[in-house]
């Protein structure tokens, strides 16, 4: 259970941060509105990622789920940052 917990806490937190950074690049709103939406949506997104990790069969499977989604999100972050 501990490997799934570590994957849920750390992997889910990184996923939440990365997805919210993507939304900050995509949303056509003012900076303060994007920050407010990011603060409101980050915690439920983190909880969803944690539940997704706990639904895994093992700790390795949880890390693979988080890692795959994190790589996709970081790829979009990089694309938005350099364009």
Protein backbone atom coordinates (compact mmCIF):
# COMPACT_ATOMS: atom_id res chain seq x y z
CA UNK A 1 0.00 0.00 0.00
CA UNK A 2 2.89 2.41 0.64
CA UNK A 3 4.15 2.43 -2.96
CA UNK A 4 0.68 3.38 -4.16
CA UNK A 5 0.52 6.07 -1.48
CA UNK A 6 3.82 7.62 -2.58
CA UNK A 7 2.74 7.47 -6.23
CA UNK A 8 -0.59 9.07 -5.33
CA UNK A 9 0.89 11.89 -3.26
CA UNK A 10 3.93 12.83 -5.33
CA UNK A 11 2.85 11.72 -8.79
CA UNK A 12 -0.66 13.11 -8.33
CA UNK A 13 0.72 16.42 -7.10
CA UNK A 14 3.03 16.74 -10.08
CA UNK A 15 0.21 15.85 -12.47
CA UNK A 16 -2.02 18.47 -10.87
CA UNK A 17 0.62 21.18 -11.14
CA UNK A 18 1.49 20.28 -14.72
CA UNK A 19 -2.12 20.18 -15.94
CA UNK A 20 -2.86 23.51 -14.28
CA UNK A 21 0.16 25.04 -16.00
CA UNK A 22 -1.23 23.79 -19.31
CA UNK A 23 -4.59 25.38 -18.56
CA UNK A 24 -2.88 28.67 -17.72
CA UNK A 25 -1.43 28.73 -21.23
CA UNK A 26 -4.70 27.70 -22.91
CA UNK A 27 -7.36 29.79 -21.13
CA UNK A 28 -7.95 33.21 -22.73
CA UNK A 29 -8.68 34.98 -19.43
CA UNK A 30 -6.94 37.59 -17.32
CA UNK A 31 -4.01 36.50 -15.16
CA UNK A 32 -5.89 36.87 -11.88
CA UNK A 33 -8.83 34.81 -13.16
CA UNK A 34 -6.51 32.05 -14.38
CA UNK A 35 -4.78 31.99 -11.01
CA UNK A 36 -8.11 31.77 -9.19
CA UNK A 37 -9.31 28.94 -11.44
CA UNK A 38 -5.99 27.16 -10.94
CA UNK A 39 -6.32 27.35 -7.19
CA UNK A 40 -9.90 26.06 -7.32
CA UNK A 41 -9.22 23.21 -9.74
CA UNK A 42 -5.81 21.97 -8.60
CA UNK A 43 -6.92 20.24 -5.42
CA UNK A 44 -9.84 18.27 -6.96
CA UNK A 45 -7.54 17.29 -9.83
CA UNK A 46 -4.95 16.05 -7.33
CA UNK A 47 -7.61 14.03 -5.51
CA UNK A 48 -8.74 12.51 -8.81
CA UNK A 49 -5.15 11.52 -9.64
CA UNK A 50 -4.75 10.03 -6.16
CA UNK A 51 -7.91 7.94 -6.59
CA UNK A 52 -6.64 6.81 -9.99
CA UNK A 53 -3.35 5.70 -8.39
CA UNK A 54 -5.10 3.84 -5.58
CA UNK A 55 -7.20 1.98 -8.17
CA UNK A 56 -4.01 0.43 -9.56
CA UNK A 57 -3.06 -3.18 -9.00
CA UNK A 58 0.39 -2.41 -7.59
CA UNK A 59 2.75 0.44 -6.80
CA UNK A 60 4.61 -0.08 -10.07
CA UNK A 61 1.36 0.17 -12.03
CA UNK A 62 0.44 3.37 -10.16
CA UNK A 63 3.81 4.94 -11.01
CA UNK A 64 3.41 3.91 -14.66
CA UNK A 65 -0.02 5.55 -14.79
CA UNK A 66 1.25 8.76 -13.21
CA UNK A 67 4.42 8.79 -15.27
CA UNK A 68 2.61 8.35 -18.57
CA UNK A 69 0.15 11.13 -17.89
CA UNK A 70 2.89 13.35 -16.50
CA UNK A 71 5.05 12.87 -19.61
CA UNK A 72 2.18 13.89 -21.87
CA UNK A 73 1.40 16.94 -19.75
CA UNK A 74 5.05 18.00 -19.51
CA UNK A 75 5.32 17.60 -23.27
CA UNK A 76 2.46 20.03 -23.74
CA UNK A 77 4.03 22.37 -21.16
CA UNK A 78 7.25 22.37 -23.16
CA UNK A 79 5.37 22.95 -26.42
CA UNK A 80 3.45 25.89 -24.97
CA UNK A 81 6.53 27.37 -23.32
CA UNK A 82 8.68 27.40 -26.44
CA UNK A 83 5.99 28.52 -28.87
